[in-house]
All heavy atoms as atom14 arrays in JSON, in Angstrom:
{
  "sequence": "AVDPPASHRKGADACGIVACGLDAEGTVFVLADVSAEGLKPHEWAG",
  "atom14_mask": [
    [1, 1, 1, 1, 1, 0, 0, 0, 0, 0, 0, 0, 0, 0],
    [1, 1, 1, 1, 1, 1, 1, 0, 0, 0, 0, 0, 0, 0],
    [1, 1, 1, 1, 1, 1, 1, 1, 0, 0, 0, 0, 0, 0],
    [1, 1, 1, 1, 1, 1, 1, 0, 0, 0, 0, 0, 0, 0],
    [1, 1, 1, 1, 1, 1, 1, 0, 0, 0, 0, 0, 0, 0],
    [1, 1, 1, 1, 1, 0, 0, 0, 0, 0, 0, 0, 0, 0],
    [1, 1, 1, 1, 1, 1, 0, 0, 0, 0, 0, 0, 0, 0],
    [1, 1, 1, 1, 1, 1, 1, 1, 1, 1, 0, 0, 0, 0],
    [1, 1, 1, 1, 1, 1, 1, 1, 1, 1, 1, 0, 0, 0],
    [1, 1, 1, 1, 1, 1, 1, 1, 1, 0, 0, 0, 0, 0],
    [1, 1, 1, 1, 0, 0, 0, 0, 0, 0, 0, 0, 0, 0],
    [1, 1, 1, 1, 1, 0, 0, 0, 0, 0, 0, 0, 0, 0],
    [1, 1, 1, 1, 1, 1, 1, 1, 0, 0, 0, 0, 0, 0],
    [1, 1, 1, 1, 1, 0, 0, 0, 0, 0, 0, 0, 0, 0],
    [1, 1, 1, 1, 1, 1, 0, 0, 0, 0, 0, 0, 0, 0],
    [1, 1, 1, 1, 0, 0, 0, 0, 0, 0, 0, 0, 0, 0],
    [1, 1, 1, 1, 1, 1, 1, 1, 0, 0, 0, 0, 0, 0],
    [1, 1, 1, 1, 1, 1, 1, 0, 0, 0, 0, 0, 0, 0],
    [1, 1, 1, 1, 1, 0, 0, 0, 0, 0, 0, 0, 0, 0],
    [1, 1, 1, 1, 1, 1, 0, 0, 0, 0, 0, 0, 0, 0],
    [1, 1, 1, 1, 0, 0, 0, 0, 0, 0, 0, 0, 0, 0],
    [1, 1, 1, 1, 1, 1, 1, 1, 0, 0, 0, 0, 0, 0],
    [1, 1, 1, 1, 1, 1, 1, 1, 0, 0, 0, 0, 0, 0],
    [1, 1, 1, 1, 1, 0, 0, 0, 0, 0, 0, 0, 0, 0],
    [1, 1, 1, 1, 1, 1, 1, 1, 1, 0, 0, 0, 0, 0],
    [1, 1, 1, 1, 0, 0, 0, 0, 0, 0, 0, 0, 0, 0],
    [1, 1, 1, 1, 1, 1, 1, 0, 0, 0, 0, 0, 0, 0],
    [1, 1, 1, 1, 1, 1, 1, 0, 0, 0, 0, 0, 0, 0],
    [1, 1, 1, 1, 1, 1, 1, 1, 1, 1, 1, 0, 0, 0],
    [1, 1, 1, 1, 1, 1, 1, 0, 0, 0, 0, 0, 0, 0],
    [1, 1, 1, 1, 1, 1, 1, 1, 0, 0, 0, 0, 0, 0],
    [1, 1, 1, 1, 1, 0, 0, 0, 0, 0, 0, 0, 0, 0],
    [1, 1, 1, 1, 1, 1, 1, 1, 0, 0, 0, 0, 0, 0],
    [1, 1, 1, 1, 1, 1, 1, 0, 0, 0, 0, 0, 0, 0],
    [1, 1, 1, 1, 1, 1, 0, 0, 0, 0, 0, 0, 0, 0],
    [1, 1, 1, 1, 1, 0, 0, 0, 0, 0, 0, 0, 0, 0],
    [1, 1, 1, 1, 1, 1, 1, 1, 1, 0, 0, 0, 0, 0],
    [1, 1, 1, 1, 0, 0, 0, 0, 0, 0, 0, 0, 0, 0],
    [1, 1, 1, 1, 1, 1, 1, 1, 0, 0, 0, 0, 0, 0],
    [1, 1, 1, 1, 1, 1, 1, 1, 1, 0, 0, 0, 0, 0],
    [1, 1, 1, 1, 1, 1, 1, 0, 0, 0, 0, 0, 0, 0],
    [1, 1, 1, 1, 1, 1, 1, 1, 1, 1, 0, 0, 0, 0],
    [1, 1, 1, 1, 1, 1, 1, 1, 1, 0, 0, 0, 0, 0],
    [1, 1, 1, 1, 1, 1, 1, 1, 1, 1, 1, 1, 1, 1],
    [1, 1, 1, 1, 1, 0, 0, 0, 0, 0, 0, 0, 0, 0],
    [1, 1, 1, 1, 0, 0, 0, 0, 0, 0, 0, 0, 0, 0]
  ],
  "atom14_positions": [
    [[160.19, 146.08, 45.76], [158.72, 146.26, 45.75], [158.17, 145.99, 47.2], [158.66, 145.05, 47.85], [157.97, 145.42, 44.72], [0.0, 0.0, 0.0], [0.0, 0.0, 0.0], [0.0, 0.0, 0.0], [0.0, 0.0, 0.0], [0.0, 0.0, 0.0], [0.0, 0.0, 0.0], [0.0, 0.0, 0.0], [0.0, 0.0, 0.0], [0.0, 0.0, 0.0]],
    [[157.22, 146.9, 47.62], [156.8, 146.8, 48.95], [155.19, 146.65, 48.88], [154.5, 147.47, 48.25], [157.14, 148.0, 49.8], [156.53, 147.76, 51.24], [158.6, 148.2, 49.85], [0.0, 0.0, 0.0], [0.0, 0.0, 0.0], [0.0, 0.0, 0.0], [0.0, 0.0, 0.0], [0.0, 0.0, 0.0], [0.0, 0.0, 0.0], [0.0, 0.0, 0.0]],
    [[154.63, 145.68, 49.6], [153.17, 145.62, 49.82], [152.95, 145.87, 51.3], [152.96, 144.95, 52.07], [152.71, 144.21, 49.34], [151.23, 143.99, 49.56], [150.37, 144.93, 49.31], [150.79, 142.93, 50.22], [0.0, 0.0, 0.0], [0.0, 0.0, 0.0], [0.0, 0.0, 0.0], [0.0, 0.0, 0.0], [0.0, 0.0, 0.0], [0.0, 0.0, 0.0]],
    [[152.61, 147.06, 51.65], [152.58, 147.4, 53.04], [151.3, 146.74, 53.65], [150.26, 146.58, 52.98], [152.37, 148.93, 53.05], [152.72, 149.33, 51.78], [152.41, 148.24, 50.87], [0.0, 0.0, 0.0], [0.0, 0.0, 0.0], [0.0, 0.0, 0.0], [0.0, 0.0, 0.0], [0.0, 0.0, 0.0], [0.0, 0.0, 0.0], [0.0, 0.0, 0.0]],
    [[151.3, 146.47, 54.99], [150.23, 145.89, 55.76], [149.28, 147.1, 56.13], [149.68, 148.23, 56.25], [150.81, 145.18, 56.91], [152.06, 146.08, 57.19], [152.64, 146.5, 55.8], [0.0, 0.0, 0.0], [0.0, 0.0, 0.0], [0.0, 0.0, 0.0], [0.0, 0.0, 0.0], [0.0, 0.0, 0.0], [0.0, 0.0, 0.0], [0.0, 0.0, 0.0]],
    [[148.03, 146.71, 56.3], [147.05, 147.7, 56.78], [147.26, 148.02, 58.21], [146.81, 149.05, 58.68], [145.63, 147.25, 56.46], [0.0, 0.0, 0.0], [0.0, 0.0, 0.0], [0.0, 0.0, 0.0], [0.0, 0.0, 0.0], [0.0, 0.0, 0.0], [0.0, 0.0, 0.0], [0.0, 0.0, 0.0], [0.0, 0.0, 0.0], [0.0, 0.0, 0.0]],
    [[147.76, 147.06, 58.96], [148.04, 147.24, 60.39], [149.27, 146.45, 60.84], [149.72, 145.58, 60.15], [146.74, 146.75, 61.17], [147.01, 146.59, 62.58], [0.0, 0.0, 0.0], [0.0, 0.0, 0.0], [0.0, 0.0, 0.0], [0.0, 0.0, 0.0], [0.0, 0.0, 0.0], [0.0, 0.0, 0.0], [0.0, 0.0, 0.0], [0.0, 0.0, 0.0]],
    [[149.79, 146.83, 61.96], [150.98, 146.19, 62.54], [150.55, 145.41, 63.73], [151.48, 144.89, 64.45], [152.13, 147.1, 62.85], [151.87, 148.17, 63.89], [151.35, 149.4, 63.53], [151.95, 148.14, 65.2], [151.22, 150.06, 64.64], [151.65, 149.27, 65.73], [0.0, 0.0, 0.0], [0.0, 0.0, 0.0], [0.0, 0.0, 0.0], [0.0, 0.0, 0.0]],
    [[149.24, 145.27, 64.05], [148.89, 144.57, 65.29], [149.11, 143.11, 65.09], [149.27, 142.58, 64.05], [147.36, 144.85, 65.55], [146.96, 146.23, 65.87], [145.57, 146.31, 66.37], [144.68, 145.93, 65.36], [144.08, 146.73, 64.53], [144.4, 148.07, 64.54], [143.25, 146.38, 63.71], [0.0, 0.0, 0.0], [0.0, 0.0, 0.0], [0.0, 0.0, 0.0]],
    [[149.1, 142.35, 66.22], [149.35, 140.88, 66.26], [148.3, 140.24, 65.34], [147.08, 140.54, 65.49], [149.28, 140.38, 67.64], [149.55, 138.91, 67.78], [149.56, 138.53, 69.19], [149.89, 136.97, 69.35], [149.89, 136.49, 70.75], [0.0, 0.0, 0.0], [0.0, 0.0, 0.0], [0.0, 0.0, 0.0], [0.0, 0.0, 0.0], [0.0, 0.0, 0.0]],
    [[148.71, 139.31, 64.47], [147.77, 138.67, 63.55], [147.55, 139.38, 62.21], [146.8, 138.85, 61.37], [0.0, 0.0, 0.0], [0.0, 0.0, 0.0], [0.0, 0.0, 0.0], [0.0, 0.0, 0.0], [0.0, 0.0, 0.0], [0.0, 0.0, 0.0], [0.0, 0.0, 0.0], [0.0, 0.0, 0.0], [0.0, 0.0, 0.0], [0.0, 0.0, 0.0]],
    [[148.1, 140.58, 62.18], [147.95, 141.35, 60.9], [148.68, 140.75, 59.79], [149.62, 139.87, 60.06], [148.33, 142.8, 61.08], [0.0, 0.0, 0.0], [0.0, 0.0, 0.0], [0.0, 0.0, 0.0], [0.0, 0.0, 0.0], [0.0, 0.0, 0.0], [0.0, 0.0, 0.0], [0.0, 0.0, 0.0], [0.0, 0.0, 0.0], [0.0, 0.0, 0.0]],
    [[148.42, 141.21, 58.55], [149.2, 140.76, 57.36], [150.63, 141.14, 57.48], [151.01, 142.11, 58.15], [148.54, 141.27, 56.17], [147.17, 140.88, 55.77], [146.77, 139.8, 56.34], [146.39, 141.5, 55.1], [0.0, 0.0, 0.0], [0.0, 0.0, 0.0], [0.0, 0.0, 0.0], [0.0, 0.0, 0.0], [0.0, 0.0, 0.0], [0.0, 0.0, 0.0]],
    [[151.47, 140.33, 56.8], [152.82, 140.68, 56.7], [153.1, 141.8, 55.85], [152.15, 142.13, 54.94], [153.63, 139.38, 56.27], [0.0, 0.0, 0.0], [0.0, 0.0, 0.0], [0.0, 0.0, 0.0], [0.0, 0.0, 0.0], [0.0, 0.0, 0.0], [0.0, 0.0, 0.0], [0.0, 0.0, 0.0], [0.0, 0.0, 0.0], [0.0, 0.0, 0.0]],
    [[154.27, 142.42, 55.88], [154.64, 143.44, 54.92], [155.52, 142.69, 53.86], [156.61, 142.26, 54.17], [155.45, 144.49, 55.61], [156.03, 145.83, 54.37], [0.0, 0.0, 0.0], [0.0, 0.0, 0.0], [0.0, 0.0, 0.0], [0.0, 0.0, 0.0], [0.0, 0.0, 0.0], [0.0, 0.0, 0.0], [0.0, 0.0, 0.0], [0.0, 0.0, 0.0]],
    [[155.09, 142.57, 52.68], [155.81, 142.07, 51.54], [156.9, 142.93, 51.07], [156.59, 144.04, 50.65], [0.0, 0.0, 0.0], [0.0, 0.0, 0.0], [0.0, 0.0, 0.0], [0.0, 0.0, 0.0], [0.0, 0.0, 0.0], [0.0, 0.0, 0.0], [0.0, 0.0, 0.0], [0.0, 0.0, 0.0], [0.0, 0.0, 0.0], [0.0, 0.0, 0.0]],
    [[158.16, 142.43, 51.08], [159.28, 143.27, 50.58], [160.2, 142.34, 49.78], [160.85, 141.44, 50.29], [160.11, 143.86, 51.7], [159.25, 144.68, 52.64], [161.21, 144.74, 51.04], [160.09, 145.18, 53.87], [0.0, 0.0, 0.0], [0.0, 0.0, 0.0], [0.0, 0.0, 0.0], [0.0, 0.0, 0.0], [0.0, 0.0, 0.0], [0.0, 0.0, 0.0]],
    [[160.19, 142.49, 48.43], [160.83, 141.67, 47.54], [161.59, 142.38, 46.54], [161.12, 143.4, 46.01], [159.79, 140.67, 46.76], [160.5, 139.85, 45.74], [159.2, 139.76, 47.76], [0.0, 0.0, 0.0], [0.0, 0.0, 0.0], [0.0, 0.0, 0.0], [0.0, 0.0, 0.0], [0.0, 0.0, 0.0], [0.0, 0.0, 0.0], [0.0, 0.0, 0.0]],
    [[162.78, 141.93, 46.2], [163.65, 142.66, 45.21], [163.88, 141.73, 43.99], [164.06, 140.52, 44.11], [165.03, 142.97, 45.78], [0.0, 0.0, 0.0], [0.0, 0.0, 0.0], [0.0, 0.0, 0.0], [0.0, 0.0, 0.0], [0.0, 0.0, 0.0], [0.0, 0.0, 0.0], [0.0, 0.0, 0.0], [0.0, 0.0, 0.0], [0.0, 0.0, 0.0]],
    [[163.9, 142.38, 42.79], [164.11, 141.66, 41.52], [164.93, 142.55, 40.68], [165.07, 143.66, 40.81], [162.79, 141.29, 40.77], [161.64, 140.26, 41.63], [0.0, 0.0, 0.0], [0.0, 0.0, 0.0], [0.0, 0.0, 0.0], [0.0, 0.0, 0.0], [0.0, 0.0, 0.0], [0.0, 0.0, 0.0], [0.0, 0.0, 0.0], [0.0, 0.0, 0.0]],
    [[165.66, 141.78, 39.78], [166.57, 142.45, 38.76], [166.17, 142.01, 37.38], [165.74, 140.93, 37.11], [0.0, 0.0, 0.0], [0.0, 0.0, 0.0], [0.0, 0.0, 0.0], [0.0, 0.0, 0.0], [0.0, 0.0, 0.0], [0.0, 0.0, 0.0], [0.0, 0.0, 0.0], [0.0, 0.0, 0.0], [0.0, 0.0, 0.0], [0.0, 0.0, 0.0]],
    [[166.6, 142.81, 36.42], [166.31, 142.61, 34.95], [167.67, 142.64, 34.24], [168.48, 143.52, 34.34], [165.39, 143.6, 34.31], [165.06, 143.42, 33.0], [163.96, 142.28, 32.86], [164.35, 144.67, 32.42], [0.0, 0.0, 0.0], [0.0, 0.0, 0.0], [0.0, 0.0, 0.0], [0.0, 0.0, 0.0], [0.0, 0.0, 0.0], [0.0, 0.0, 0.0]],
    [[168.0, 141.49, 33.41], [169.2, 141.52, 32.75], [168.99, 142.13, 31.29], [167.92, 142.48, 30.9], [169.82, 140.1, 32.66], [169.01, 139.09, 31.8], [168.12, 139.51, 31.17], [169.52, 137.92, 31.78], [0.0, 0.0, 0.0], [0.0, 0.0, 0.0], [0.0, 0.0, 0.0], [0.0, 0.0, 0.0], [0.0, 0.0, 0.0], [0.0, 0.0, 0.0]],
    [[170.01, 142.09, 30.45], [170.01, 142.66, 29.09], [169.06, 141.88, 28.25], [168.68, 142.39, 27.2], [171.36, 142.81, 28.63], [0.0, 0.0, 0.0], [0.0, 0.0, 0.0], [0.0, 0.0, 0.0], [0.0, 0.0, 0.0], [0.0, 0.0, 0.0], [0.0, 0.0, 0.0], [0.0, 0.0, 0.0], [0.0, 0.0, 0.0], [0.0, 0.0, 0.0]],
    [[168.85, 140.54, 28.52], [168.05, 139.71, 27.71], [166.6, 139.82, 28.07], [165.72, 139.11, 27.4], [168.48, 138.24, 27.76], [170.0, 138.1, 27.43], [170.39, 138.51, 26.06], [169.53, 138.21, 25.16], [171.45, 139.1, 25.88], [0.0, 0.0, 0.0], [0.0, 0.0, 0.0], [0.0, 0.0, 0.0], [0.0, 0.0, 0.0], [0.0, 0.0, 0.0]],
    [[166.16, 140.55, 29.04], [164.88, 140.69, 29.47], [164.42, 139.69, 30.45], [163.2, 139.41, 30.66], [0.0, 0.0, 0.0], [0.0, 0.0, 0.0], [0.0, 0.0, 0.0], [0.0, 0.0, 0.0], [0.0, 0.0, 0.0], [0.0, 0.0, 0.0], [0.0, 0.0, 0.0], [0.0, 0.0, 0.0], [0.0, 0.0, 0.0], [0.0, 0.0, 0.0]],
    [[165.32, 138.85, 31.03], [165.01, 137.94, 32.09], [165.03, 138.59, 33.42], [165.93, 139.34, 33.73], [165.96, 136.73, 32.03], [165.94, 136.08, 30.74], [165.66, 135.68, 33.17], [0.0, 0.0, 0.0], [0.0, 0.0, 0.0], [0.0, 0.0, 0.0], [0.0, 0.0, 0.0], [0.0, 0.0, 0.0], [0.0, 0.0, 0.0], [0.0, 0.0, 0.0]],
    [[164.0, 138.21, 34.28], [163.93, 138.81, 35.64], [164.51, 137.82, 36.61], [164.25, 136.5, 36.49], [162.52, 139.07, 35.98], [162.35, 139.55, 37.44], [161.93, 140.16, 35.04], [0.0, 0.0, 0.0], [0.0, 0.0, 0.0], [0.0, 0.0, 0.0], [0.0, 0.0, 0.0], [0.0, 0.0, 0.0], [0.0, 0.0, 0.0], [0.0, 0.0, 0.0]],
    [[165.21, 138.24, 37.54], [165.89, 137.38, 38.6], [165.32, 137.87, 39.98], [165.51, 139.13, 40.29], [167.39, 137.45, 38.56], [167.93, 136.9, 37.36], [168.07, 137.53, 36.17], [168.38, 135.5, 37.25], [168.53, 136.96, 34.96], [168.88, 134.93, 36.18], [168.98, 135.74, 34.99], [0.0, 0.0, 0.0], [0.0, 0.0, 0.0], [0.0, 0.0, 0.0]],
    [[164.77, 136.89, 40.81], [164.33, 137.24, 42.11], [165.66, 137.26, 43.01], [166.36, 136.31, 43.04], [163.34, 136.28, 42.61], [162.86, 136.57, 44.02], [162.09, 136.2, 41.69], [0.0, 0.0, 0.0], [0.0, 0.0, 0.0], [0.0, 0.0, 0.0], [0.0, 0.0, 0.0], [0.0, 0.0, 0.0], [0.0, 0.0, 0.0], [0.0, 0.0, 0.0]],
    [[165.83, 138.42, 43.68], [167.08, 138.56, 44.44], [166.94, 138.45, 45.89], [167.95, 137.92, 46.55], [167.69, 139.91, 44.05], [167.85, 140.25, 42.64], [168.33, 141.7, 42.46], [168.89, 139.29, 41.89], [0.0, 0.0, 0.0], [0.0, 0.0, 0.0], [0.0, 0.0, 0.0], [0.0, 0.0, 0.0], [0.0, 0.0, 0.0], [0.0, 0.0, 0.0]],
    [[165.89, 138.83, 46.46], [165.79, 138.82, 47.94], [164.25, 138.88, 48.32], [163.47, 139.52, 47.62], [166.51, 140.1, 48.4], [0.0, 0.0, 0.0], [0.0, 0.0, 0.0], [0.0, 0.0, 0.0], [0.0, 0.0, 0.0], [0.0, 0.0, 0.0], [0.0, 0.0, 0.0], [0.0, 0.0, 0.0], [0.0, 0.0, 0.0], [0.0, 0.0, 0.0]],
    [[164.0, 138.37, 49.45], [162.72, 138.38, 50.11], [163.0, 138.68, 51.58], [163.37, 137.78, 52.43], [161.89, 137.15, 50.04], [160.68, 137.1, 50.77], [160.21, 138.15, 51.11], [160.07, 135.98, 50.99], [0.0, 0.0, 0.0], [0.0, 0.0, 0.0], [0.0, 0.0, 0.0], [0.0, 0.0, 0.0], [0.0, 0.0, 0.0], [0.0, 0.0, 0.0]],
    [[162.68, 139.94, 52.06], [162.91, 140.35, 53.48], [161.54, 140.66, 54.13], [161.55, 141.45, 55.07], [163.88, 141.47, 53.61], [165.28, 141.05, 53.0], [163.39, 142.75, 52.85], [0.0, 0.0, 0.0], [0.0, 0.0, 0.0], [0.0, 0.0, 0.0], [0.0, 0.0, 0.0], [0.0, 0.0, 0.0], [0.0, 0.0, 0.0], [0.0, 0.0, 0.0]],
    [[160.51, 140.08, 53.55], [159.17, 140.33, 54.26], [159.13, 139.89, 55.68], [159.81, 138.95, 56.0], [158.15, 139.44, 53.33], [158.24, 139.75, 52.02], [0.0, 0.0, 0.0], [0.0, 0.0, 0.0], [0.0, 0.0, 0.0], [0.0, 0.0, 0.0], [0.0, 0.0, 0.0], [0.0, 0.0, 0.0], [0.0, 0.0, 0.0], [0.0, 0.0, 0.0]],
    [[158.29, 140.59, 56.32], [158.18, 140.17, 57.72], [156.84, 140.65, 58.41], [156.11, 141.49, 57.8], [159.29, 140.87, 58.61], [0.0, 0.0, 0.0], [0.0, 0.0, 0.0], [0.0, 0.0, 0.0], [0.0, 0.0, 0.0], [0.0, 0.0, 0.0], [0.0, 0.0, 0.0], [0.0, 0.0, 0.0], [0.0, 0.0, 0.0], [0.0, 0.0, 0.0]],
    [[156.41, 140.03, 59.46], [155.15, 140.27, 60.11], [155.4, 141.25, 61.33], [156.57, 141.34, 61.88], [154.49, 139.04, 60.65], [154.03, 138.12, 59.54], [153.3, 136.9, 60.15], [153.25, 136.71, 61.46], [152.81, 136.0, 59.33], [0.0, 0.0, 0.0], [0.0, 0.0, 0.0], [0.0, 0.0, 0.0], [0.0, 0.0, 0.0], [0.0, 0.0, 0.0]],
    [[154.37, 141.97, 61.76], [154.43, 142.75, 62.92], [155.22, 144.05, 62.87], [155.61, 144.63, 63.9], [0.0, 0.0, 0.0], [0.0, 0.0, 0.0], [0.0, 0.0, 0.0], [0.0, 0.0, 0.0], [0.0, 0.0, 0.0], [0.0, 0.0, 0.0], [0.0, 0.0, 0.0], [0.0, 0.0, 0.0], [0.0, 0.0, 0.0], [0.0, 0.0, 0.0]],
    [[155.56, 144.47, 61.59], [156.44, 145.73, 61.55], [155.58, 146.94, 61.55], [154.45, 147.09, 60.89], [157.17, 145.63, 60.24], [158.15, 144.46, 59.96], [158.86, 144.59, 58.67], [159.21, 144.46, 61.09], [0.0, 0.0, 0.0], [0.0, 0.0, 0.0], [0.0, 0.0, 0.0], [0.0, 0.0, 0.0], [0.0, 0.0, 0.0], [0.0, 0.0, 0.0]],
    [[155.98, 147.94, 62.29], [155.39, 149.19, 62.29], [155.85, 149.93, 61.04], [156.79, 149.6, 60.43], [155.82, 150.02, 63.61], [155.42, 149.4, 64.89], [155.92, 150.09, 66.1], [155.44, 149.52, 67.43], [155.98, 150.29, 68.54], [0.0, 0.0, 0.0], [0.0, 0.0, 0.0], [0.0, 0.0, 0.0], [0.0, 0.0, 0.0], [0.0, 0.0, 0.0]],
    [[155.09, 151.01, 60.62], [155.42, 151.67, 59.37], [156.85, 152.11, 59.23], [157.5, 151.86, 58.17], [154.43, 152.8, 59.3], [153.3, 152.4, 60.16], [153.81, 151.57, 61.24], [0.0, 0.0, 0.0], [0.0, 0.0, 0.0], [0.0, 0.0, 0.0], [0.0, 0.0, 0.0], [0.0, 0.0, 0.0], [0.0, 0.0, 0.0], [0.0, 0.0, 0.0]],
    [[157.44, 152.73, 60.27], [158.79, 153.07, 60.16], [159.82, 151.9, 60.03], [160.86, 152.07, 59.41], [159.24, 154.06, 61.21], [159.33, 153.42, 62.56], [158.32, 153.08, 63.45], [160.5, 152.84, 63.22], [158.67, 152.55, 64.57], [160.04, 152.31, 64.42], [0.0, 0.0, 0.0], [0.0, 0.0, 0.0], [0.0, 0.0, 0.0], [0.0, 0.0, 0.0]],
    [[159.42, 150.82, 60.68], [160.24, 149.62, 60.52], [160.2, 149.0, 59.09], [161.36, 148.68, 58.59], [159.76, 148.57, 61.63], [159.95, 149.05, 63.09], [159.32, 148.12, 64.06], [158.39, 147.46, 63.7], [159.95, 148.01, 65.13], [0.0, 0.0, 0.0], [0.0, 0.0, 0.0], [0.0, 0.0, 0.0], [0.0, 0.0, 0.0], [0.0, 0.0, 0.0]],
    [[159.1, 148.78, 58.55], [159.0, 148.29, 57.15], [159.62, 149.28, 56.19], [160.34, 148.75, 55.19], [157.79, 147.71, 56.79], [156.53, 148.63, 56.66], [155.49, 148.67, 57.49], [156.34, 149.68, 55.64], [154.6, 149.6, 57.0], [155.0, 150.3, 55.92], [157.01, 150.1, 54.58], [154.51, 151.22, 55.12], [156.41, 151.05, 53.82], [155.27, 151.75, 54.17]],
    [[159.45, 150.48, 56.42], [160.01, 151.49, 55.45], [161.62, 151.41, 55.57], [162.23, 151.46, 54.57], [159.59, 152.86, 55.87], [0.0, 0.0, 0.0], [0.0, 0.0, 0.0], [0.0, 0.0, 0.0], [0.0, 0.0, 0.0], [0.0, 0.0, 0.0], [0.0, 0.0, 0.0], [0.0, 0.0, 0.0], [0.0, 0.0, 0.0], [0.0, 0.0, 0.0]],
    [[162.1, 151.37, 56.8], [163.57, 151.25, 56.92], [164.11, 149.96, 56.38], [165.16, 149.9, 55.77], [0.0, 0.0, 0.0], [0.0, 0.0, 0.0], [0.0, 0.0, 0.0], [0.0, 0.0, 0.0], [0.0, 0.0, 0.0], [0.0, 0.0, 0.0], [0.0, 0.0, 0.0], [0.0, 0.0, 0.0], [0.0, 0.0, 0.0], [0.0, 0.0, 0.0]]
  ]
}
């Protein structure tokens, strides 16, 4: 899941990028957080 920032200028919000998985029992597992600040659109998309 991605929460894109409105801007990539200095001091702007970070781009939230988090991965989760679901098992057969319905439990969710948080797998990764690669969020970062200052990313241009093509950078956070990549």
